[in-house]
Amino acid sequence: MRQHLLNETTADLYRRSVTEGVARVAAKIATTERPHTGISVDELAPVINGIDLDTPLEDPALVLDELEEVYLRDAVYFHHPRYLGHLNCPVVIPAVLGEAVLSAVNSSLDTWDQSIGATLIERRLIDWTAQRIGLGPDADGVFTSGGSQSNFHALFLARDEACRKVMQNCAAVLPKSQVLPKLRVFTSECSHFSVQKSAAMLGLGYEAVISVPCDSNRRMDTSLLALELENCVREGLVPMAVVATAGTTDFGSIDPLQEIADLAAEHSTWMHVDAAYGCGLLASPTRRHLLDGIERADSVTVDYHKSFFQPVSSSAVLVRDRDTLKHATYHADYLNPRRMAEEKIPNQVDKSIQTTRRFDALKLWMTLRVMGADGLGSLFDEVIDLAAEGWKLIAADPRFQVVVEPQISTLVFRYSPSYRREGPLAGPDAGEHRADLVDEANLYARKALFASGEAVVAGTKVDGHQYLKFTLLNPQTTTSDIAAVLDLLAAHAEQYLGESLVHAS
């Protein structure tokens, strides 16, 4: 079995195997006509479950043939212009090249003696990102697995900073266990669920997160944030952190960062900005101003695998003050003993909540060295322009109701026959009286479209009702694609409503 180990004796086999794999994927991408095949769980699960993993095929070519049947044929392809679903981007080729390199060399980014060169490249990219944000000369950070981990990491630091301040200012010795129940986190009702999950995992409980209502544009209402912060202090509680969102998952809305920064400063509260989605604006040649105020944050989440067009995973958490990262430091004699810090040996594990960690930074490094920041930013600008055109299209279509004009590249809308003067639910009170049926029609339309394989859209709930969502991250998508998908959705919804009314009668 040693012939399968990658080393000096198997380099030629490695080259042939990877080349054949790349050829298969390239052929699939070149001939993909729809985002996916529409295969169901019930159809595919027996095929995969029926494979005997204890009986190897031995020949890599045969394994690739099998992989075509169990994965490549039915995979969801994000590069297709009618994939309009979740926050999944098509990836740029330099990053895919970086992925191939990092997987083969297999550096682990925990200690210097496992990642010479890789450590310095990651640190250089953290510095580059911090400069783009404007965090100042004392900034630092580390790559993570994604936005949820970055948000958790930031709130972990905020928690321990809040505890440190409370215990430092206490006349008597106060154990940390008595401080935790007093801590509160403030975030908008449209923020990512990882804020609540992080609070629970940090021992604060879900109830420690105060959800602040949004305005009509789905941005945090800072007048209500101010009231909540005042109430917190009045009740003898501690405002641990305010989490602003720069690109909400549902609406792509950007909270008023400057106003939130003012309130956080007034209450000496940690400000975290979840820019997992909106971080692409950092490279935008035309729209960087939409993030004005982010430079005042204590910590920032960025997901390069969203709006920087990187393969999963590629994310980072950045902090204004590198000393706060010490809350995550633990010295193990077998890995990163204290003497290494004294000798100024750069071990990334000193500031990470992970130990073994991939060299995901290489993908971004390769991308910047080939395309440049302006090249990346212009791609994100293209999808923002597309979203603006898509909004006009939906707003002018009497079959649909759109929620808000997008700030970046997400459109939330709903098939709404009450907006029409004809059709199965026509009439002035149709939308009000049959809202439940319209909800079902929108949900059905999304499922039916997915099952057809012709396009993929996302869904969410707004004010308790079922809505549809276009997440536009593909510069290859056109307004013609958007119009075609709208027609498909309307046809499925109308079919459902027609059949429902026939059965009801």
Protein backbone atom coordinates (compact mmCIF):
# COMPACT_ATOMS: atom_id res chain seq x y z
CA MET A 1 0.00 0.00 0.00
CA ARG A 2 3.01 2.31 0.23
CA GLN A 3 2.64 3.10 -3.46
CA HIS A 4 -0.26 5.40 -2.55
CA LEU A 5 1.81 7.63 -0.26
CA LEU A 6 2.84 10.91 -1.87
CA ASN A 7 6.64 11.05 -1.85
CA GLU A 8 9.65 11.15 -4.17
CA THR A 9 8.92 7.68 -5.55
CA THR A 10 5.27 8.33 -6.38
CA ALA A 11 5.44 11.84 -7.82
CA ASP A 12 4.61 10.59 -11.31
CA LEU A 13 1.54 8.68 -10.08
CA TYR A 14 0.46 11.82 -8.22
CA ARG A 15 0.78 13.86 -11.41
CA ARG A 16 -1.21 11.37 -13.51
CA SER A 17 -3.94 10.88 -10.89
CA VAL A 18 -4.50 14.57 -10.24
CA THR A 19 -4.39 15.38 -13.95
CA GLU A 20 -7.08 12.79 -14.63
CA GLY A 21 -9.21 14.10 -11.77
CA VAL A 22 -8.87 17.68 -12.99
CA ALA A 23 -9.78 16.56 -16.52
CA ARG A 24 -12.98 14.92 -15.25
CA VAL A 25 -14.03 18.01 -13.29
CA ALA A 26 -13.14 20.35 -16.17
CA ALA A 27 -15.21 18.25 -18.57
CA LYS A 28 -18.14 18.32 -16.16
CA ILE A 29 -17.98 22.08 -15.68
CA ALA A 30 -17.70 22.63 -19.44
CA THR A 31 -20.83 20.60 -20.15
CA THR A 32 -23.05 21.50 -17.18
CA GLU A 33 -26.38 22.78 -18.50
CA ARG A 34 -28.20 23.36 -15.21
CA PRO A 35 -27.18 23.93 -11.57
CA HIS A 36 -27.97 20.31 -10.67
CA THR A 37 -29.85 17.28 -11.91
CA GLY A 38 -32.80 17.45 -9.54
CA ILE A 39 -32.07 14.02 -8.05
CA SER A 40 -33.80 13.31 -4.75
CA VAL A 41 -32.42 11.97 -1.48
CA ASP A 42 -34.48 8.79 -1.91
CA GLU A 43 -32.92 8.18 -5.33
CA LEU A 44 -29.29 8.82 -4.44
CA ALA A 45 -28.99 7.52 -0.86
CA PRO A 46 -29.41 3.80 -1.76
CA VAL A 47 -26.68 4.09 -4.39
CA ILE A 48 -24.17 5.56 -1.95
CA ASN A 49 -25.22 3.32 0.94
CA GLY A 50 -24.85 0.29 -1.30
CA ILE A 51 -21.13 0.83 -1.87
CA ASP A 52 -18.92 -1.61 0.04
CA LEU A 53 -16.19 0.58 1.56
CA ASP A 54 -14.27 -2.50 2.69
CA THR A 55 -13.73 -3.63 -0.90
CA PRO A 56 -11.52 -1.09 -2.69
CA LEU A 57 -11.59 -0.60 -6.44
CA GLU A 58 -7.79 -0.08 -6.41
CA ASP A 59 -7.63 1.66 -9.80
CA PRO A 60 -8.00 5.47 -9.44
CA ALA A 61 -9.68 5.60 -12.86
CA LEU A 62 -12.40 3.23 -11.65
CA VAL A 63 -12.85 5.31 -8.50
CA LEU A 64 -13.32 8.40 -10.65
CA ASP A 65 -15.90 6.54 -12.72
CA GLU A 66 -17.77 5.69 -9.55
CA LEU A 67 -17.41 9.25 -8.29
CA GLU A 68 -19.14 10.46 -11.43
CA GLU A 69 -22.18 8.39 -10.45
CA VAL A 70 -22.31 9.27 -6.75
CA TYR A 71 -21.15 12.90 -6.77
CA LEU A 72 -19.99 14.73 -9.88
CA ARG A 73 -23.13 14.01 -11.91
CA ASP A 74 -25.54 15.29 -9.25
CA ALA A 75 -23.49 17.92 -7.44
CA VAL A 76 -24.83 21.46 -7.14
CA TYR A 77 -22.64 23.63 -9.37
CA PHE A 78 -22.28 27.17 -8.08
CA HIS A 79 -20.63 28.39 -11.27
CA HIS A 80 -23.91 28.00 -13.19
CA PRO A 81 -25.58 31.41 -13.81
CA ARG A 82 -28.94 30.13 -12.53
CA TYR A 83 -27.61 29.11 -9.16
CA LEU A 84 -29.13 31.95 -7.13
CA GLY A 85 -29.37 30.20 -3.79
CA HIS A 86 -27.15 30.61 -0.76
CA LEU A 87 -23.96 32.58 -0.17
CA ASN A 88 -21.93 30.32 -2.44
CA CYS A 89 -19.71 31.96 -5.03
CA PRO A 90 -18.10 30.66 -8.19
CA VAL A 91 -14.39 30.32 -7.53
CA VAL A 92 -11.48 31.90 -9.33
CA ILE A 93 -8.89 29.66 -10.96
CA PRO A 94 -5.81 31.03 -9.10
CA ALA A 95 -7.48 30.04 -5.82
CA VAL A 96 -8.23 26.54 -7.09
CA LEU A 97 -4.56 26.24 -8.07
CA GLY A 98 -3.65 27.31 -4.54
CA GLU A 99 -6.00 24.64 -3.16
CA ALA A 100 -4.19 21.97 -5.15
CA VAL A 101 -0.81 23.13 -3.86
CA LEU A 102 -1.79 23.44 -0.21
CA SER A 103 -3.50 20.03 -0.16
CA ALA A 104 -0.43 18.27 -1.54
CA VAL A 105 2.15 19.97 0.68
CA ASN A 106 -0.30 19.76 3.61
CA SER A 107 1.23 22.38 5.90
CA SER A 108 -0.35 22.73 9.32
CA LEU A 109 -0.63 26.35 10.41
CA ASP A 110 -0.34 25.83 14.14
CA THR A 111 3.42 26.10 14.65
CA TRP A 112 6.35 27.56 12.76
CA ASP A 113 8.16 24.25 12.57
CA GLN A 114 5.21 22.81 10.60
CA SER A 115 4.59 25.77 8.31
CA ILE A 116 7.70 27.72 7.42
CA GLY A 117 6.76 30.30 4.80
CA ALA A 118 3.06 29.52 5.15
CA THR A 119 2.97 31.23 8.56
CA LEU A 120 4.48 34.40 7.11
CA ILE A 121 2.14 34.39 4.11
CA GLU A 122 -0.89 34.10 6.39
CA ARG A 123 0.41 36.89 8.60
CA ARG A 124 1.04 39.10 5.59
CA LEU A 125 -2.55 38.58 4.38
CA ILE A 126 -3.91 39.37 7.84
CA ASP A 127 -1.92 42.62 7.80
CA TRP A 128 -3.21 43.39 4.28
CA THR A 129 -6.82 42.83 5.33
CA ALA A 130 -6.41 44.86 8.51
CA GLN A 131 -5.00 47.73 6.46
CA ARG A 132 -7.96 47.53 4.08
CA ILE A 133 -10.30 47.71 7.07
CA GLY A 134 -8.29 50.49 8.71
CA LEU A 135 -7.82 48.85 12.12
CA GLY A 136 -4.49 50.55 12.84
CA PRO A 137 -0.88 49.51 13.57
CA ASP A 138 -1.68 47.19 16.50
CA ALA A 139 -4.11 45.02 14.55
CA ASP A 140 -3.74 41.28 14.12
CA GLY A 141 -5.86 38.22 13.42
CA VAL A 142 -5.91 34.65 12.22
CA PHE A 143 -7.57 32.58 9.50
CA THR A 144 -10.56 30.46 10.53
CA SER A 145 -12.89 27.86 9.04
CA GLY A 146 -15.70 30.34 8.36
CA GLY A 147 -17.87 33.18 9.58
CA SER A 148 -19.45 31.23 12.43
CA GLN A 149 -16.06 30.38 13.90
CA SER A 150 -14.84 33.95 13.37
CA ASN A 151 -17.89 35.34 15.18
CA PHE A 152 -17.41 32.85 18.00
CA HIS A 153 -13.74 33.75 18.30
CA ALA A 154 -14.51 37.47 18.41
CA LEU A 155 -17.19 37.07 21.08
CA PHE A 156 -14.89 34.80 23.08
CA LEU A 157 -12.36 37.65 23.16
CA ALA A 158 -15.10 40.19 23.95
CA ARG A 159 -16.34 38.02 26.81
CA ASP A 160 -12.95 37.73 28.43
CA GLU A 161 -12.21 41.43 27.93
CA ALA A 162 -15.52 42.30 29.62
CA CYS A 163 -14.78 39.93 32.50
CA ARG A 164 -11.29 41.38 32.89
CA LYS A 165 -12.65 44.92 33.14
CA VAL A 166 -15.38 44.00 35.61
CA MET A 167 -13.04 42.04 37.88
CA GLN A 168 -10.37 44.74 37.62
CA ASN A 169 -12.78 47.45 38.77
CA CYS A 170 -14.30 45.36 41.57
CA ALA A 171 -13.34 46.24 45.14
CA ALA A 172 -13.58 42.61 46.24
CA VAL A 173 -12.28 39.57 44.41
CA LEU A 174 -15.03 38.47 42.04
CA PRO A 175 -14.86 35.06 40.36
CA LYS A 176 -15.51 34.90 36.64
CA SER A 177 -18.46 32.58 37.22
CA GLN A 178 -20.31 35.43 38.91
CA VAL A 179 -19.61 37.87 36.07
CA LEU A 180 -20.87 35.70 33.21
CA PRO A 181 -24.60 35.88 34.09
CA LYS A 182 -24.43 39.68 33.91
CA LEU A 183 -23.03 39.89 30.37
CA ARG A 184 -25.23 40.91 27.44
CA VAL A 185 -24.65 40.94 23.68
CA PHE A 186 -26.59 43.27 21.38
CA THR A 187 -27.23 42.51 17.73
CA SER A 188 -29.91 43.18 15.13
CA GLU A 189 -32.86 40.89 14.55
CA CYS A 190 -31.43 40.28 11.05
CA SER A 191 -27.97 39.20 12.21
CA HIS A 192 -26.51 35.73 11.74
CA PHE A 193 -27.64 32.94 14.05
CA SER A 194 -24.03 32.25 15.01
CA VAL A 195 -24.23 35.19 17.45
CA GLN A 196 -26.83 33.32 19.52
CA LYS A 197 -24.99 30.01 19.18
CA SER A 198 -21.73 31.63 20.24
CA ALA A 199 -23.34 33.08 23.36
CA ALA A 200 -24.65 29.65 24.28
CA MET A 201 -21.27 27.98 23.72
CA LEU A 202 -19.54 30.70 25.74
CA GLY A 203 -21.64 29.87 28.78
CA LEU A 204 -23.83 32.96 28.56
CA GLY A 205 -26.98 31.29 27.27
CA TYR A 206 -29.16 32.27 24.34
CA GLU A 207 -31.02 34.73 26.56
CA ALA A 208 -27.86 36.85 26.91
CA VAL A 209 -28.34 38.08 23.33
CA ILE A 210 -30.60 41.12 23.02
CA SER A 211 -32.20 41.29 19.59
CA VAL A 212 -32.52 44.88 18.39
CA PRO A 213 -35.29 45.60 15.85
CA CYS A 214 -34.43 46.86 12.37
CA ASP A 215 -35.72 49.78 10.35
CA SER A 216 -37.62 49.47 7.06
CA ASN A 217 -34.35 48.82 5.23
CA ARG A 218 -33.55 45.89 7.54
CA ARG A 219 -30.70 47.74 9.25
CA MET A 220 -30.27 47.88 13.01
CA ASP A 221 -32.34 50.69 14.52
CA THR A 222 -29.70 52.55 16.53
CA SER A 223 -32.25 54.57 18.51
CA LEU A 224 -33.55 51.27 19.90
CA LEU A 225 -29.99 50.03 20.43
CA ALA A 226 -29.33 53.12 22.55
CA LEU A 227 -32.39 52.37 24.68
CA GLU A 228 -31.40 48.73 25.13
CA LEU A 229 -27.88 49.69 26.21
CA GLU A 230 -29.26 52.17 28.73
CA ASN A 231 -31.68 49.58 30.10
CA CYS A 232 -28.83 47.11 30.44
CA VAL A 233 -26.73 49.49 32.55
CA ARG A 234 -29.76 50.57 34.60
CA GLU A 235 -30.45 46.96 35.52
CA GLY A 236 -26.88 46.46 36.73
CA LEU A 237 -25.92 44.29 33.78
CA VAL A 238 -22.81 44.56 31.60
CA PRO A 239 -22.91 45.36 27.86
CA MET A 240 -20.32 42.87 26.69
CA ALA A 241 -20.48 43.47 22.94
CA VAL A 242 -22.45 45.07 20.16
CA VAL A 243 -22.45 43.01 16.96
CA ALA A 244 -23.06 45.01 13.79
CA THR A 245 -23.62 43.26 10.48
CA ALA A 246 -22.10 44.39 7.19
CA GLY A 247 -24.15 42.29 4.81
CA THR A 248 -26.95 40.35 6.49
CA THR A 249 -27.54 36.83 5.20
CA ASP A 250 -31.16 37.50 4.22
CA PHE A 251 -31.06 41.05 2.91
CA GLY A 252 -27.43 42.01 2.41
CA SER A 253 -28.13 45.06 4.54
CA ILE A 254 -25.33 46.98 6.23
CA ASP A 255 -25.99 48.30 9.72
CA PRO A 256 -25.19 51.99 10.40
CA LEU A 257 -21.63 51.33 11.49
CA GLN A 258 -20.66 54.87 12.52
CA GLU A 259 -23.68 55.27 14.80
CA ILE A 260 -23.14 51.86 16.35
CA ALA A 261 -19.46 52.68 16.92
CA ASP A 262 -20.50 55.88 18.74
CA LEU A 263 -22.82 53.96 21.06
CA ALA A 264 -20.27 51.22 21.71
CA ALA A 265 -17.66 53.84 22.58
CA GLU A 266 -20.10 55.65 24.87
CA HIS A 267 -20.65 52.47 26.87
CA SER A 268 -17.03 51.21 26.62
CA THR A 269 -18.39 48.15 24.87
CA TRP A 270 -16.62 45.86 22.43
CA MET A 271 -17.81 46.42 18.86
CA HIS A 272 -17.71 43.46 16.50
CA VAL A 273 -18.58 43.73 12.81
CA ASP A 274 -19.73 40.59 11.06
CA ALA A 275 -18.63 41.39 7.51
CA ALA A 276 -18.61 37.78 6.34
CA TYR A 277 -20.73 38.74 3.33
CA GLY A 278 -19.90 42.40 2.80
CA CYS A 279 -16.13 42.05 3.11
CA GLY A 280 -15.81 42.07 -0.69
CA LEU A 281 -16.43 45.82 -0.47
CA LEU A 282 -12.95 46.13 1.03
CA ALA A 283 -11.59 45.47 -2.47
CA SER A 284 -14.26 47.34 -4.41
CA PRO A 285 -12.86 50.15 -6.57
CA THR A 286 -16.16 52.06 -6.26
CA ARG A 287 -18.07 51.07 -3.09
CA ARG A 288 -15.58 50.89 -0.20
CA HIS A 289 -17.45 53.79 1.43
CA LEU A 290 -20.38 51.48 2.23
CA LEU A 291 -18.21 50.08 5.02
CA ASP A 292 -17.31 53.44 6.55
CA GLY A 293 -17.17 52.98 10.31
CA ILE A 294 -15.82 49.42 10.17
CA GLU A 295 -12.39 50.82 10.98
CA ARG A 296 -13.68 51.66 14.49
CA ALA A 297 -14.48 48.02 15.31
CA ASP A 298 -12.65 46.01 17.96
CA SER A 299 -13.01 42.88 15.83
CA VAL A 300 -14.15 42.02 12.32
CA THR A 301 -15.23 38.80 10.60
CA VAL A 302 -14.37 38.37 6.92
CA ASP A 303 -15.29 35.43 4.69
CA TYR A 304 -13.09 35.36 1.63
CA HIS A 305 -15.07 32.32 0.44
CA LYS A 306 -18.10 34.52 -0.13
CA SER A 307 -17.35 37.83 -1.81
CA PHE A 308 -13.66 37.23 -2.59
CA PHE A 309 -14.58 34.23 -4.80
CA GLN A 310 -12.45 31.75 -2.86
CA PRO A 311 -13.10 28.01 -2.38
CA VAL A 312 -14.42 26.93 1.00
CA SER A 313 -12.94 27.42 3.45
CA SER A 314 -11.22 30.77 3.66
CA SER A 315 -12.16 33.15 6.45
CA ALA A 316 -10.52 35.25 9.14
CA VAL A 317 -11.15 37.15 12.35
CA LEU A 318 -9.25 40.40 12.87
CA VAL A 319 -8.81 42.52 15.99
CA ARG A 320 -7.80 46.12 16.59
CA ASP A 321 -5.53 45.23 19.52
CA ARG A 322 -3.36 42.15 19.08
CA ASP A 323 -2.99 41.80 22.86
CA THR A 324 -6.63 40.70 23.12
CA LEU A 325 -5.77 37.57 21.15
CA LYS A 326 -3.89 36.35 24.22
CA HIS A 327 -7.22 35.27 25.68
CA ALA A 328 -6.98 32.33 23.27
CA THR A 329 -3.35 31.48 24.10
CA TYR A 330 -2.44 28.23 25.78
CA HIS A 331 1.14 26.98 25.97
CA ALA A 332 1.67 23.24 25.63
CA ASP A 333 5.19 21.93 26.24
CA TYR A 334 5.00 19.54 23.30
CA LEU A 335 3.78 22.19 20.83
CA ASN A 336 4.32 25.85 21.68
CA PRO A 337 6.17 26.19 25.00
CA ARG A 338 6.53 29.67 26.49
CA ARG A 339 10.19 29.88 25.50
CA MET A 340 9.10 30.07 21.84
CA ALA A 341 7.22 33.31 22.49
CA GLU A 342 10.25 34.67 24.30
CA GLU A 343 12.37 33.72 21.28
CA LYS A 344 9.83 35.45 19.01
CA ILE A 345 9.03 32.29 17.08
CA PRO A 346 5.73 32.97 15.24
CA ASN A 347 3.34 30.18 16.23
CA GLN A 348 -0.14 30.89 14.90
CA VAL A 349 -1.69 28.51 17.44
CA ASP A 350 -0.92 31.17 20.06
CA LYS A 351 -3.87 33.20 18.75
CA SER A 352 -6.16 30.55 17.27
CA ILE A 353 -8.89 28.45 18.84
CA GLN A 354 -7.91 25.68 16.42
CA THR A 355 -4.72 23.64 16.58
CA THR A 356 -4.23 21.78 13.31
CA ARG A 357 -5.27 24.20 10.58
CA ARG A 358 -5.07 24.21 6.79
CA PHE A 359 -3.03 26.75 4.82
CA ASP A 360 -6.21 28.33 3.42
CA ALA A 361 -4.46 31.68 3.15
CA LEU A 362 -2.54 30.40 0.13
CA LYS A 363 -5.68 30.55 -2.03
CA LEU A 364 -6.14 34.27 -1.38
CA TRP A 365 -2.40 34.87 -1.83
CA MET A 366 -2.44 33.22 -5.27
CA THR A 367 -5.56 35.18 -6.22
CA LEU A 368 -4.12 38.55 -5.28
CA ARG A 369 -0.82 37.80 -7.00
CA VAL A 370 -2.61 36.89 -10.26
CA MET A 371 -5.67 39.16 -10.27
CA GLY A 372 -4.97 41.95 -7.81
CA ALA A 373 -7.40 43.48 -5.33
CA ASP A 374 -9.07 45.71 -7.94
CA GLY A 375 -9.71 42.68 -10.12
CA LEU A 376 -11.47 40.88 -7.28
CA GLY A 377 -13.37 43.97 -6.21
CA SER A 378 -14.63 44.63 -9.71
CA LEU A 379 -16.22 41.16 -9.76
CA PHE A 380 -18.13 41.97 -6.58
CA ASP A 381 -19.13 45.32 -8.09
CA GLU A 382 -20.61 43.44 -11.05
CA VAL A 383 -22.96 41.37 -8.89
CA ILE A 384 -24.01 44.45 -6.94
CA ASP A 385 -24.88 46.16 -10.23
CA LEU A 386 -26.78 43.03 -11.26
CA ALA A 387 -28.78 43.08 -8.03
CA ALA A 388 -29.79 46.69 -8.67
CA GLU A 389 -31.09 45.72 -12.11
CA GLY A 390 -32.80 42.65 -10.67
CA TRP A 391 -34.57 44.78 -8.09
CA LYS A 392 -35.98 47.02 -10.82
CA LEU A 393 -37.15 43.94 -12.69
CA ILE A 394 -38.96 42.43 -9.71
CA ALA A 395 -40.38 45.74 -8.49
CA ALA A 396 -41.96 46.29 -11.92
CA ASP A 397 -43.39 42.77 -12.10
CA PRO A 398 -47.03 42.66 -10.87
CA ARG A 399 -46.65 38.99 -9.92
CA PHE A 400 -44.10 39.70 -7.18
CA GLN A 401 -43.56 41.79 -4.08
CA VAL A 402 -39.96 42.75 -3.25
CA VAL A 403 -38.98 43.64 0.33
CA VAL A 404 -36.16 46.21 0.14
CA GLU A 405 -33.87 47.76 -2.42
CA PRO A 406 -30.54 45.89 -2.04
CA GLN A 407 -27.41 47.47 -0.61
CA ILE A 408 -25.25 44.71 -2.03
CA SER A 409 -26.37 41.59 -3.91
CA THR A 410 -29.38 39.92 -2.25
CA LEU A 411 -33.01 40.20 -3.35
CA VAL A 412 -35.85 39.03 -1.09
CA PHE A 413 -39.26 38.81 -2.75
CA ARG A 414 -42.44 36.80 -2.89
CA TYR A 415 -44.93 35.62 -5.45
CA SER A 416 -47.99 37.60 -4.43
CA PRO A 417 -51.14 37.21 -6.54
CA SER A 418 -52.90 39.87 -4.46
CA TYR A 419 -50.76 42.33 -6.40
CA ARG A 420 -52.57 41.34 -9.60
CA ARG A 421 -56.01 42.22 -10.88
CA GLU A 422 -56.59 38.73 -12.21
CA GLY A 423 -55.73 35.17 -11.32
CA PRO A 424 -56.87 32.49 -8.90
CA LEU A 425 -56.75 34.76 -5.84
CA ALA A 426 -57.82 38.04 -7.40
CA GLY A 427 -59.72 40.57 -5.32
CA PRO A 428 -58.97 43.37 -2.85
CA ASP A 429 -58.78 41.09 0.20
CA ALA A 430 -57.25 38.04 -1.43
CA GLY A 431 -53.74 38.53 -0.07
CA GLU A 432 -54.99 39.07 3.49
CA HIS A 433 -57.46 36.20 3.61
CA ARG A 434 -55.37 33.62 1.78
CA ALA A 435 -51.90 34.54 3.06
CA ASP A 436 -51.40 31.00 4.29
CA LEU A 437 -52.07 29.61 0.81
CA VAL A 438 -49.73 32.15 -0.75
CA ASP A 439 -47.03 31.11 1.75
CA GLU A 440 -47.51 27.51 0.69
CA ALA A 441 -47.35 28.50 -2.98
CA ASN A 442 -44.00 30.26 -2.50
CA LEU A 443 -42.57 27.34 -0.58
CA TYR A 444 -43.86 24.92 -3.21
CA ALA A 445 -42.40 27.01 -6.03
CA ARG A 446 -38.95 26.92 -4.47
CA LYS A 447 -39.08 23.16 -3.90
CA ALA A 448 -40.47 22.42 -7.36
CA LEU A 449 -37.82 24.57 -9.00
CA PHE A 450 -35.07 22.78 -7.08
CA ALA A 451 -36.53 19.39 -7.98
CA SER A 452 -36.52 20.35 -11.66
CA GLY A 453 -32.82 21.20 -11.55
CA GLU A 454 -33.40 24.23 -13.78
CA ALA A 455 -32.38 26.76 -11.14
CA VAL A 456 -31.69 27.07 -7.42
CA VAL A 457 -33.08 29.85 -5.25
CA ALA A 458 -33.10 30.29 -1.48
CA GLY A 459 -35.98 31.00 0.86
CA THR A 460 -36.59 32.72 4.17
CA LYS A 461 -39.35 34.13 6.34
CA VAL A 462 -40.15 37.82 6.63
CA ASP A 463 -42.62 38.93 9.30
CA GLY A 464 -43.77 35.35 9.59
CA HIS A 465 -44.44 34.84 5.87
CA GLN A 466 -42.64 32.71 3.32
CA TYR A 467 -40.38 34.60 0.90
CA LEU A 468 -37.97 33.69 -1.87
CA LYS A 469 -34.41 34.91 -2.15
CA PHE A 470 -31.86 35.49 -4.89
CA THR A 471 -28.29 35.60 -3.59
CA LEU A 472 -26.34 36.99 -6.52
CA LEU A 473 -22.62 36.21 -6.42
CA ASN A 474 -21.99 35.13 -10.01
CA PRO A 475 -20.88 37.80 -12.49
CA GLN A 476 -21.95 35.42 -15.29
CA THR A 477 -25.60 35.69 -14.23
CA THR A 478 -27.62 38.15 -16.36
CA THR A 479 -30.94 39.92 -16.02
CA SER A 480 -32.23 37.46 -18.61
CA ASP A 481 -31.40 34.64 -16.19
CA ILE A 482 -33.24 36.45 -13.42
CA ALA A 483 -36.29 37.03 -15.64
CA ALA A 484 -36.34 33.37 -16.70
CA VAL A 485 -36.18 32.14 -13.10
CA LEU A 486 -38.98 34.53 -12.11
CA ASP A 487 -41.15 33.03 -14.84
CA LEU A 488 -40.37 29.51 -13.63
CA LEU A 489 -41.21 30.42 -10.04
CA ALA A 490 -44.47 32.09 -11.04
CA ALA A 491 -45.50 29.07 -13.12
CA HIS A 492 -44.88 26.67 -10.23
CA ALA A 493 -46.74 28.93 -7.77
CA GLU A 494 -49.69 29.35 -10.11
CA GLN A 495 -49.86 25.61 -10.67
CA TYR A 496 -49.98 25.06 -6.91
CA LEU A 497 -52.65 27.70 -6.36
CA GLY A 498 -54.77 26.38 -9.20
CA GLU A 499 -54.63 22.82 -7.92
CA SER A 500 -55.29 23.95 -4.33
CA LEU A 501 -58.40 25.89 -5.31
CA VAL A 502 -59.69 22.96 -7.37
CA HIS A 503 -59.27 20.63 -4.40
CA ALA A 504 -60.82 23.17 -2.04
CA SER A 505 -63.90 23.45 -4.25
